[in-house]
Amino acid sequence: MGNDFDETFLSIDGESAATFEKIFMKYQPILLYFINGFIKDLETSKDICQNIFFMLWRDRKKLSAISSLDTYLFFIAKEAVCNFFDHEVVSDKYISHILHSPIETDDSEERLFANELENKIRQTIKEMPQKRRLIFYLSRDKRLSNQEIAERLNISRRTVENHLTSALADIRKSLKLILLMFFCV
């Protein structure tokens, strides 16, 4: 990527928006491609990439200690991808917990909210394409591994993973809507 660009990079520790724009134009497509290679969701990848450049601009006064922009940006991108997947694991566990745990609370508002969450998840699952719904059911309710599902349905393990990823993305999207309804009122 070049040392002349690293020299330009060092000058953004001041207030040079033009220099920052050059860096953004050069590295944003490369980082987006890198991030999306792992995440496989262009919109999410764009958000993560945008956050990286926001942090780069926000912390620009501290950047003079960095010796290589390439190394720094790809390190930050790798960390952002890892954080994304860590969040996904927690989110998946929460969704599984909601689906498999009875709702117990004495607070009527909490009970109403929990019931609404559960209903929204079930409705979202019901609206999924048939194969995605079946794969999700086999994974979550029957507790089959991805390999067992693949063998049972005569499809690849990767196809199973893609369907589960899409199913969880659908559920997350519907949960965001209901959370907005309850907490923004």
C-alpha atoms as a PDB file:
ATOM      1  CA  MET A   1       0.000   0.000   0.000  1.00  0.00           C
ATOM      2  CA  GLY A   2       2.944   2.324   0.254  1.00  0.00           C
ATOM      3  CA  ASN A   3       5.026   4.452   2.590  1.00  0.00           C
ATOM      4  CA  ASP A   4       4.028   7.725   0.930  1.00  0.00           C
ATOM      5  CA  PHE A   5       0.494   7.080   2.067  1.00  0.00           C
ATOM      6  CA  ASP A   6       1.695   6.369   5.597  1.00  0.00           C
ATOM      7  CA  GLU A   7       3.441   9.762   5.560  1.00  0.00           C
ATOM      8  CA  THR A   8       0.160  11.379   4.485  1.00  0.00           C
ATOM      9  CA  PHE A   9      -1.565   9.459   7.265  1.00  0.00           C
ATOM     10  CA  LEU A  10       0.644  11.024   9.908  1.00  0.00           C
ATOM     11  CA  SER A  11      -0.623  14.470   8.903  1.00  0.00           C
ATOM     12  CA  ILE A  12      -4.222  13.696   9.903  1.00  0.00           C
ATOM     13  CA  ASP A  13      -3.375  13.973  13.577  1.00  0.00           C
ATOM     14  CA  GLY A  14      -4.182  17.640  13.075  1.00  0.00           C
ATOM     15  CA  GLU A  15      -7.421  18.835  11.522  1.00  0.00           C
ATOM     16  CA  SER A  16      -6.931  17.872   7.862  1.00  0.00           C
ATOM     17  CA  ALA A  17     -10.283  16.607   6.616  1.00  0.00           C
ATOM     18  CA  ALA A  18      -8.944  16.528   3.060  1.00  0.00           C
ATOM     19  CA  THR A  19      -6.143  14.149   4.057  1.00  0.00           C
ATOM     20  CA  PHE A  20      -8.601  11.995   5.942  1.00  0.00           C
ATOM     21  CA  GLU A  21     -10.865  11.895   2.884  1.00  0.00           C
ATOM     22  CA  LYS A  22      -7.954  10.625   0.751  1.00  0.00           C
ATOM     23  CA  ILE A  23      -7.290   7.884   3.269  1.00  0.00           C
ATOM     24  CA  PHE A  24     -10.968   7.001   3.411  1.00  0.00           C
ATOM     25  CA  MET A  25     -11.220   6.812  -0.387  1.00  0.00           C
ATOM     26  CA  LYS A  26      -8.162   4.558  -0.599  1.00  0.00           C
ATOM     27  CA  TYR A  27      -8.839   2.175   2.296  1.00  0.00           C
ATOM     28  CA  GLN A  28     -12.620   2.033   2.659  1.00  0.00           C
ATOM     29  CA  PRO A  29     -13.233  -0.283  -0.344  1.00  0.00           C
ATOM     30  CA  ILE A  30     -10.378  -2.569   0.727  1.00  0.00           C
ATOM     31  CA  LEU A  31     -11.576  -2.785   4.338  1.00  0.00           C
ATOM     32  CA  LEU A  32     -15.189  -3.249   3.253  1.00  0.00           C
ATOM     33  CA  TYR A  33     -14.186  -6.179   1.046  1.00  0.00           C
ATOM     34  CA  PHE A  34     -12.108  -7.645   3.895  1.00  0.00           C
ATOM     35  CA  ILE A  35     -14.903  -7.309   6.488  1.00  0.00           C
ATOM     36  CA  ASN A  36     -17.632  -8.553   4.162  1.00  0.00           C
ATOM     37  CA  GLY A  37     -15.522 -11.606   3.372  1.00  0.00           C
ATOM     38  CA  PHE A  38     -16.144 -12.722   6.947  1.00  0.00           C
ATOM     39  CA  ILE A  39     -19.570 -11.317   7.719  1.00  0.00           C
ATOM     40  CA  LYS A  40     -21.305 -11.947   4.381  1.00  0.00           C
ATOM     41  CA  ASP A  41     -23.780  -9.109   4.945  1.00  0.00           C
ATOM     42  CA  LEU A  42     -22.968  -5.973   2.983  1.00  0.00           C
ATOM     43  CA  GLU A  43     -25.045  -3.555   5.084  1.00  0.00           C
ATOM     44  CA  THR A  44     -23.577  -4.786   8.352  1.00  0.00           C
ATOM     45  CA  SER A  45     -20.097  -4.706   6.816  1.00  0.00           C
ATOM     46  CA  LYS A  46     -20.647  -1.101   5.701  1.00  0.00           C
ATOM     47  CA  ASP A  47     -21.706  -0.155   9.237  1.00  0.00           C
ATOM     48  CA  ILE A  48     -18.637  -1.776  10.762  1.00  0.00           C
ATOM     49  CA  CYS A  49     -16.362  -0.131   8.204  1.00  0.00           C
ATOM     50  CA  GLN A  50     -17.983   3.254   8.831  1.00  0.00           C
ATOM     51  CA  ASN A  51     -17.410   2.831  12.572  1.00  0.00           C
ATOM     52  CA  ILE A  52     -13.734   2.081  11.967  1.00  0.00           C
ATOM     53  CA  PHE A  53     -13.290   5.321  10.051  1.00  0.00           C
ATOM     54  CA  PHE A  54     -15.309   7.242  12.622  1.00  0.00           C
ATOM     55  CA  MET A  55     -12.955   5.983  15.349  1.00  0.00           C
ATOM     56  CA  LEU A  56      -9.949   6.790  13.160  1.00  0.00           C
ATOM     57  CA  TRP A  57     -11.147  10.386  12.785  1.00  0.00           C
ATOM     58  CA  ARG A  58     -12.207  10.705  16.420  1.00  0.00           C
ATOM     59  CA  ASP A  59      -8.805   9.497  17.694  1.00  0.00           C
ATOM     60  CA  ARG A  60      -6.718  11.237  15.013  1.00  0.00           C
ATOM     61  CA  LYS A  61      -4.661  13.186  17.571  1.00  0.00           C
ATOM     62  CA  LYS A  62      -3.258   9.895  18.921  1.00  0.00           C
ATOM     63  CA  LEU A  63      -2.267   8.482  15.534  1.00  0.00           C
ATOM     64  CA  SER A  64       1.294   9.784  15.315  1.00  0.00           C
ATOM     65  CA  ALA A  65       2.481   6.740  17.297  1.00  0.00           C
ATOM     66  CA  ILE A  66       1.257   4.345  14.584  1.00  0.00           C
ATOM     67  CA  SER A  67       4.001   3.183  12.248  1.00  0.00           C
ATOM     68  CA  SER A  68       1.900   1.486   9.550  1.00  0.00           C
ATOM     69  CA  LEU A  69      -1.585   2.517   8.504  1.00  0.00           C
ATOM     70  CA  ASP A  70      -2.180  -0.772   6.675  1.00  0.00           C
ATOM     71  CA  THR A  71      -1.365  -2.856   9.712  1.00  0.00           C
ATOM     72  CA  TYR A  72      -3.346  -0.608  12.030  1.00  0.00           C
ATOM     73  CA  LEU A  73      -6.511  -0.559   9.887  1.00  0.00           C
ATOM     74  CA  PHE A  74      -6.533  -4.303   9.288  1.00  0.00           C
ATOM     75  CA  PHE A  75      -5.918  -4.959  12.975  1.00  0.00           C
ATOM     76  CA  ILE A  76      -8.885  -2.720  13.870  1.00  0.00           C
ATOM     77  CA  ALA A  77     -11.021  -4.412  11.177  1.00  0.00           C
ATOM     78  CA  LYS A  78     -10.114  -7.875  12.495  1.00  0.00           C
ATOM     79  CA  GLU A  79     -11.045  -6.805  16.023  1.00  0.00           C
ATOM     80  CA  ALA A  80     -14.346  -5.349  14.777  1.00  0.00           C
ATOM     81  CA  VAL A  81     -15.200  -8.617  13.002  1.00  0.00           C
ATOM     82  CA  CYS A  82     -14.381 -10.600  16.159  1.00  0.00           C
ATOM     83  CA  ASN A  83     -16.552  -8.266  18.240  1.00  0.00           C
ATOM     84  CA  PHE A  84     -19.381  -8.681  15.728  1.00  0.00           C
ATOM     85  CA  PHE A  85     -19.239 -12.478  16.000  1.00  0.00           C
ATOM     86  CA  ASP A  86     -18.977 -12.322  19.804  1.00  0.00           C
ATOM     87  CA  HIS A  87     -22.151 -10.228  19.806  1.00  0.00           C
ATOM     88  CA  GLU A  88     -23.827 -12.715  17.444  1.00  0.00           C
ATOM     89  CA  VAL A  89     -23.067 -15.603  19.815  1.00  0.00           C
ATOM     90  CA  VAL A  90     -24.591 -13.734  22.764  1.00  0.00           C
ATOM     91  CA  SER A  91     -27.598 -12.759  20.666  1.00  0.00           C
ATOM     92  CA  ASP A  92     -28.097 -16.356  19.480  1.00  0.00           C
ATOM     93  CA  LYS A  93     -27.938 -17.649  23.054  1.00  0.00           C
ATOM     94  CA  TYR A  94     -30.499 -15.039  24.133  1.00  0.00           C
ATOM     95  CA  ILE A  95     -32.880 -16.000  21.320  1.00  0.00           C
ATOM     96  CA  SER A  96     -32.517 -19.709  22.182  1.00  0.00           C
ATOM     97  CA  HIS A  97     -33.123 -18.911  25.834  1.00  0.00           C
ATOM     98  CA  ILE A  98     -36.327 -17.019  25.025  1.00  0.00           C
ATOM     99  CA  LEU A  99     -37.582 -19.844  22.823  1.00  0.00           C
ATOM    100  CA  HIS A 100     -36.886 -22.598  25.350  1.00  0.00           C
ATOM    101  CA  SER A 101     -37.564 -20.956  28.711  1.00  0.00           C
ATOM    102  CA  PRO A 102     -40.950 -20.441  30.289  1.00  0.00           C
ATOM    103  CA  ILE A 103     -41.777 -16.852  31.102  1.00  0.00           C
ATOM    104  CA  GLU A 104     -41.883 -16.334  34.851  1.00  0.00           C
ATOM    105  CA  THR A 105     -42.367 -12.900  36.341  1.00  0.00           C
ATOM    106  CA  ASP A 106     -44.648 -11.188  38.833  1.00  0.00           C
ATOM    107  CA  ASP A 107     -44.441  -7.841  37.046  1.00  0.00           C
ATOM    108  CA  SER A 108     -47.319  -7.504  34.570  1.00  0.00           C
ATOM    109  CA  GLU A 109     -45.352  -5.113  32.333  1.00  0.00           C
ATOM    110  CA  GLU A 110     -42.418  -7.503  32.140  1.00  0.00           C
ATOM    111  CA  ARG A 111     -44.765 -10.404  31.450  1.00  0.00           C
ATOM    112  CA  LEU A 112     -46.485  -8.430  28.679  1.00  0.00           C
ATOM    113  CA  PHE A 113     -43.137  -7.510  27.163  1.00  0.00           C
ATOM    114  CA  ALA A 114     -41.822 -11.093  27.400  1.00  0.00           C
ATOM    115  CA  ASN A 115     -45.025 -12.468  25.852  1.00  0.00           C
ATOM    116  CA  GLU A 116     -44.813  -9.925  23.053  1.00  0.00           C
ATOM    117  CA  LEU A 117     -41.179 -10.876  22.390  1.00  0.00           C
ATOM    118  CA  GLU A 118     -42.035 -14.554  22.306  1.00  0.00           C
ATOM    119  CA  ASN A 119     -45.005 -13.969  19.993  1.00  0.00           C
ATOM    120  CA  LYS A 120     -42.900 -11.833  17.655  1.00  0.00           C
ATOM    121  CA  ILE A 121     -40.191 -14.501  17.454  1.00  0.00           C
ATOM    122  CA  ARG A 122     -42.747 -17.231  16.756  1.00  0.00           C
ATOM    123  CA  GLN A 123     -44.438 -15.079  14.102  1.00  0.00           C
ATOM    124  CA  THR A 124     -41.090 -14.360  12.461  1.00  0.00           C
ATOM    125  CA  ILE A 125     -40.276 -18.081  12.400  1.00  0.00           C
ATOM    126  CA  LYS A 126     -43.700 -18.830  10.918  1.00  0.00           C
ATOM    127  CA  GLU A 127     -43.072 -16.308   8.103  1.00  0.00           C
ATOM    128  CA  MET A 128     -39.687 -17.778   7.142  1.00  0.00           C
ATOM    129  CA  PRO A 129     -39.343 -19.719   3.910  1.00  0.00           C
ATOM    130  CA  GLN A 130     -40.221 -23.385   4.472  1.00  0.00           C
ATOM    131  CA  LYS A 131     -36.678 -24.786   4.234  1.00  0.00           C
ATOM    132  CA  ARG A 132     -35.218 -22.092   6.524  1.00  0.00           C
ATOM    133  CA  ARG A 133     -37.982 -22.711   9.051  1.00  0.00           C
ATOM    134  CA  LEU A 134     -37.386 -26.478   8.939  1.00  0.00           C
ATOM    135  CA  ILE A 135     -33.633 -26.097   9.401  1.00  0.00           C
ATOM    136  CA  PHE A 136     -34.161 -23.665  12.280  1.00  0.00           C
ATOM    137  CA  TYR A 137     -36.635 -26.086  13.893  1.00  0.00           C
ATOM    138  CA  LEU A 138     -34.237 -29.042  13.552  1.00  0.00           C
ATOM    139  CA  SER A 139     -31.401 -26.991  15.015  1.00  0.00           C
ATOM    140  CA  ARG A 140     -33.200 -25.314  17.899  1.00  0.00           C
ATOM    141  CA  ASP A 141     -36.037 -27.653  18.848  1.00  0.00           C
ATOM    142  CA  LYS A 142     -34.587 -31.038  17.913  1.00  0.00           C
ATOM    143  CA  ARG A 143     -31.055 -29.926  18.870  1.00  0.00           C
ATOM    144  CA  LEU A 144     -29.489 -31.530  15.779  1.00  0.00           C
ATOM    145  CA  SER A 145     -26.004 -30.463  14.737  1.00  0.00           C
ATOM    146  CA  ASN A 146     -25.488 -28.707  11.427  1.00  0.00           C
ATOM    147  CA  GLN A 147     -23.909 -31.882  10.042  1.00  0.00           C
ATOM    148  CA  GLU A 148     -26.883 -34.017  11.160  1.00  0.00           C
ATOM    149  CA  ILE A 149     -29.313 -31.587   9.534  1.00  0.00           C
ATOM    150  CA  ALA A 150     -27.273 -31.586   6.328  1.00  0.00           C
ATOM    151  CA  GLU A 151     -27.300 -35.387   6.190  1.00  0.00           C
ATOM    152  CA  ARG A 152     -31.004 -35.613   6.984  1.00  0.00           C
ATOM    153  CA  LEU A 153     -31.975 -33.067   4.293  1.00  0.00           C
ATOM    154  CA  ASN A 154     -29.298 -34.145   1.795  1.00  0.00           C
ATOM    155  CA  ILE A 155     -27.754 -30.663   1.580  1.00  0.00           C
ATOM    156  CA  SER A 156     -24.320 -29.285   2.440  1.00  0.00           C
ATOM    157  CA  ARG A 157     -23.385 -28.254   5.965  1.00  0.00           C
ATOM    158  CA  ARG A 158     -22.600 -24.778   4.598  1.00  0.00           C
ATOM    159  CA  THR A 159     -26.164 -24.475   3.265  1.00  0.00           C
ATOM    160  CA  VAL A 160     -27.461 -25.337   6.731  1.00  0.00           C
ATOM    161  CA  GLU A 161     -25.210 -22.669   8.256  1.00  0.00           C
ATOM    162  CA  ASN A 162     -26.415 -20.089   5.732  1.00  0.00           C
ATOM    163  CA  HIS A 163     -30.075 -20.861   6.500  1.00  0.00           C
ATOM    164  CA  LEU A 164     -29.454 -20.617  10.247  1.00  0.00           C
ATOM    165  CA  THR A 165     -27.590 -17.335   9.832  1.00  0.00           C
ATOM    166  CA  SER A 166     -30.484 -15.946   7.788  1.00  0.00           C
ATOM    167  CA  ALA A 167     -33.050 -17.224  10.291  1.00  0.00           C
ATOM    168  CA  LEU A 168     -31.251 -15.570  13.193  1.00  0.00           C
ATOM    169  CA  ALA A 169     -30.869 -12.356  11.199  1.00  0.00           C
ATOM    170  CA  ASP A 170     -34.634 -12.366  10.570  1.00  0.00           C
ATOM    171  CA  ILE A 171     -35.313 -12.863  14.277  1.00  0.00           C
ATOM    172  CA  ARG A 172     -32.839 -10.132  15.279  1.00  0.00           C
ATOM    173  CA  LYS A 173     -34.460  -7.713  12.855  1.00  0.00           C
ATOM    174  CA  SER A 174     -37.935  -8.391  14.268  1.00  0.00           C
ATOM    175  CA  LEU A 175     -36.616  -8.102  17.844  1.00  0.00           C
ATOM    176  CA  LYS A 176     -35.119  -4.710  17.050  1.00  0.00           C
ATOM    177  CA  LEU A 177     -38.527  -3.532  15.867  1.00  0.00           C
ATOM    178  CA  ILE A 178     -40.314  -4.694  18.995  1.00  0.00           C
ATOM    179  CA  LEU A 179     -37.598  -3.279  21.251  1.00  0.00           C
ATOM    180  CA  LEU A 180     -37.996   0.063  19.526  1.00  0.00           C
ATOM    181  CA  MET A 181     -41.761  -0.100  20.048  1.00  0.00           C
ATOM    182  CA  PHE A 182     -41.477  -0.815  23.759  1.00  0.00           C
ATOM    183  CA  PHE A 183     -38.595   1.465  24.665  1.00  0.00           C
ATOM    184  CA  CYS A 184     -39.271   4.444  22.433  1.00  0.00           C
ATOM    185  CA  VAL A 185     -42.835   4.995  23.569  1.00  0.00           C
END
